[in-house]
Structures are given as C-alpha cells and as structure tokens.
C-alpha atoms as a PDB file:
ATOM      1  CA  MET A   1     -25.205 -75.489  39.237  1.00  0.00           C
ATOM      2  CA  SER A   2     -23.335 -78.173  37.512  1.00  0.00           C
ATOM      3  CA  ASP A   3     -24.024 -80.798  34.974  1.00  0.00           C
ATOM      4  CA  ILE A   4     -24.185 -84.383  35.505  1.00  0.00           C
ATOM      5  CA  HIS A   5     -24.035 -86.898  32.771  1.00  0.00           C
ATOM      6  CA  VAL A   6     -26.028 -90.218  33.688  1.00  0.00           C
ATOM      7  CA  ILE A   7     -27.582 -93.279  32.539  1.00  0.00           C
ATOM      8  CA  ILE A   8     -31.185 -93.770  32.720  1.00  0.00           C
ATOM      9  CA  ARG A   9     -32.938 -97.106  32.174  1.00  0.00           C
ATOM     10  CA  THR A  10     -35.972 -99.050  33.406  1.00  0.00           C
ATOM     11  CA  ALA A  11     -36.242-101.827  35.655  1.00  0.00           C
ATOM     12  CA  ASP A  12     -36.423-104.182  32.891  1.00  0.00           C
ATOM     13  CA  GLN A  13     -33.682-102.620  30.882  1.00  0.00           C
ATOM     14  CA  THR A  14     -35.783-102.367  27.772  1.00  0.00           C
ATOM     15  CA  ARG A  15     -35.288 -98.588  27.907  1.00  0.00           C
ATOM     16  CA  LYS A  16     -31.803 -96.791  28.292  1.00  0.00           C
ATOM     17  CA  ALA A  17     -30.908 -93.196  27.646  1.00  0.00           C
ATOM     18  CA  GLU A  18     -27.835 -91.280  28.079  1.00  0.00           C
ATOM     19  CA  VAL A  19     -28.332 -87.480  29.365  1.00  0.00           C
ATOM     20  CA  THR A  20     -26.931 -84.691  30.921  1.00  0.00           C
ATOM     21  CA  LEU A  21     -28.988 -83.252  33.782  1.00  0.00           C
ATOM     22  CA  ASP A  22     -28.839 -80.130  36.122  1.00  0.00           C
ATOM     23  CA  SER A  23     -27.553 -80.763  39.446  1.00  0.00           C
ATOM     24  CA  SER A  24     -30.657 -79.122  40.664  1.00  0.00           C
ATOM     25  CA  ASN A  25     -33.227 -81.636  38.843  1.00  0.00           C
ATOM     26  CA  THR A  26     -35.036 -83.753  41.337  1.00  0.00           C
ATOM     27  CA  GLY A  27     -35.879 -87.185  41.569  1.00  0.00           C
ATOM     28  CA  ALA A  28     -39.278 -86.534  40.987  1.00  0.00           C
ATOM     29  CA  ASP A  29     -38.312 -84.779  37.637  1.00  0.00           C
ATOM     30  CA  ILE A  30     -36.671 -87.477  36.212  1.00  0.00           C
ATOM     31  CA  ILE A  31     -39.417 -90.047  36.963  1.00  0.00           C
ATOM     32  CA  GLN A  32     -41.796 -87.866  35.401  1.00  0.00           C
ATOM     33  CA  ALA A  33     -39.733 -87.218  32.064  1.00  0.00           C
ATOM     34  CA  SER A  34     -39.220 -91.060  31.777  1.00  0.00           C
ATOM     35  CA  VAL A  35     -42.870 -91.961  31.979  1.00  0.00           C
ATOM     36  CA  ASP A  36     -43.777 -88.892  29.620  1.00  0.00           C
ATOM     37  CA  ASN A  37     -40.594 -90.063  26.971  1.00  0.00           C
ATOM     38  CA  TRP A  38     -40.884 -93.840  27.493  1.00  0.00           C
ATOM     39  CA  THR A  39     -44.822 -93.788  27.572  1.00  0.00           C
ATOM     40  CA  LEU A  40     -44.729 -95.699  30.883  1.00  0.00           C
ATOM     41  CA  PRO A  41     -48.183 -96.556  32.487  1.00  0.00           C
ATOM     42  CA  THR A  42     -49.247 -93.522  34.299  1.00  0.00           C
ATOM     43  CA  ASP A  43     -51.226 -95.607  36.875  1.00  0.00           C
ATOM     44  CA  THR A  44     -48.179 -97.047  38.437  1.00  0.00           C
ATOM     45  CA  ASP A  45     -45.646 -95.308  41.191  1.00  0.00           C
ATOM     46  CA  TYR A  46     -42.291 -95.488  40.374  1.00  0.00           C
ATOM     47  CA  SER A  47     -39.045 -94.949  42.436  1.00  0.00           C
ATOM     48  CA  LEU A  48     -35.617 -93.783  41.102  1.00  0.00           C
ATOM     49  CA  VAL A  49     -32.752 -95.928  42.317  1.00  0.00           C
ATOM     50  CA  ASN A  50     -28.712 -95.254  41.937  1.00  0.00           C
ATOM     51  CA  THR A  51     -27.760 -98.324  40.991  1.00  0.00           C
ATOM     52  CA  THR A  52     -24.047 -97.721  41.414  1.00  0.00           C
ATOM     53  CA  SER A  53     -24.364 -96.897  45.066  1.00  0.00           C
ATOM     54  CA  GLY A  54     -27.439 -98.983  45.584  1.00  0.00           C
ATOM     55  CA  LYS A  55     -29.512 -96.005  47.269  1.00  0.00           C
ATOM     56  CA  THR A  56     -33.144 -94.973  46.264  1.00  0.00           C
ATOM     57  CA  LEU A  57     -33.532 -91.229  45.652  1.00  0.00           C
ATOM     58  CA  THR A  58     -35.944 -89.408  47.595  1.00  0.00           C
ATOM     59  CA  PRO A  59     -38.478 -87.744  45.081  1.00  0.00           C
ATOM     60  CA  ASN A  60     -38.121 -84.091  46.146  1.00  0.00           C
ATOM     61  CA  SER A  61     -34.065 -84.193  46.904  1.00  0.00           C
ATOM     62  CA  SER A  62     -31.893 -82.871  43.978  1.00  0.00           C
ATOM     63  CA  LEU A  63     -29.365 -84.995  42.306  1.00  0.00           C
ATOM     64  CA  GLY A  64     -26.555 -82.771  43.963  1.00  0.00           C
ATOM     65  CA  ASP A  65     -27.988 -83.028  47.222  1.00  0.00           C
ATOM     66  CA  SER A  66     -28.351 -87.012  46.820  1.00  0.00           C
ATOM     67  CA  GLY A  67     -24.772 -87.755  45.911  1.00  0.00           C
ATOM     68  CA  ILE A  68     -25.476 -88.554  42.107  1.00  0.00           C
ATOM     69  CA  LYS A  69     -22.202 -88.176  40.341  1.00  0.00           C
ATOM     70  CA  SER A  70     -21.484 -88.250  36.482  1.00  0.00           C
ATOM     71  CA  GLY A  71     -21.437 -91.995  35.298  1.00  0.00           C
ATOM     72  CA  ASP A  72     -23.953 -93.281  37.892  1.00  0.00           C
ATOM     73  CA  VAL A  73     -26.935 -95.145  36.730  1.00  0.00           C
ATOM     74  CA  LEU A  74     -30.339 -94.373  37.883  1.00  0.00           C
ATOM     75  CA  GLU A  75     -33.137 -96.829  37.257  1.00  0.00           C
ATOM     76  CA  VAL A  76     -36.678 -96.197  37.261  1.00  0.00           C
ATOM     77  CA  GLN A  77     -38.562 -98.874  38.935  1.00  0.00           C
ATOM     78  CA  PRO A  78     -42.255 -99.486  39.524  1.00  0.00           C
ATOM     79  CA  VAL A  79     -43.199 -99.671  43.164  1.00  0.00           C
ATOM     80  CA  LEU A  80     -44.947-103.027  43.704  1.00  0.00           C
ATOM     81  CA  VAL A  81     -48.079-102.940  46.209  1.00  0.00           C
ATOM     82  CA  ALA A  82     -48.513-106.323  47.918  1.00  0.00           C
ATOM     83  CA  GLY A  83     -52.203-107.054  48.766  1.00  0.00           C
END
C-alpha cells in the first residue's frame, strides 16, 4: 500500500492535523482516531468529507478506493439530525 499525506480538520476548523496515512485506512478509522485524539463528543455521529472534491467518504471504504490523493483536506463533520 502507499502513503497519502492529507490534512484532517474539524468542521469548525478549530482542530487541524497534517498526517500521513496508509491508503488502506478507512473513513471510519480516521473518524475514530479524530474523536479519540481531539476528545470530540462521543454521542455524536460524524461523516468524513473530502473538501477538495466535495465528496463524502463511505465509512467502510479505504482512502485509496475513495480516490483520496496527497494534499487533500479531509473534514470531520458532525451529522446533524433534524427533529
């Protein structure tokens, strides 16, 4: 597998990290690591959006399969539930 250099940030842009990930990592892996490292609320569901392309990553798809390239910005966004 190959390494991908990306920026991960929160939707409010208060937290940001430049990281090197393996292309086999999944969206769910990145979300869980972000929640753990940044102590984000655990009672919230999150999605991962590639802000470079505007596409939401499927949690179980790998970065390679999702077309993530070095230099992309991935944003951890809370999923808002209406009601």
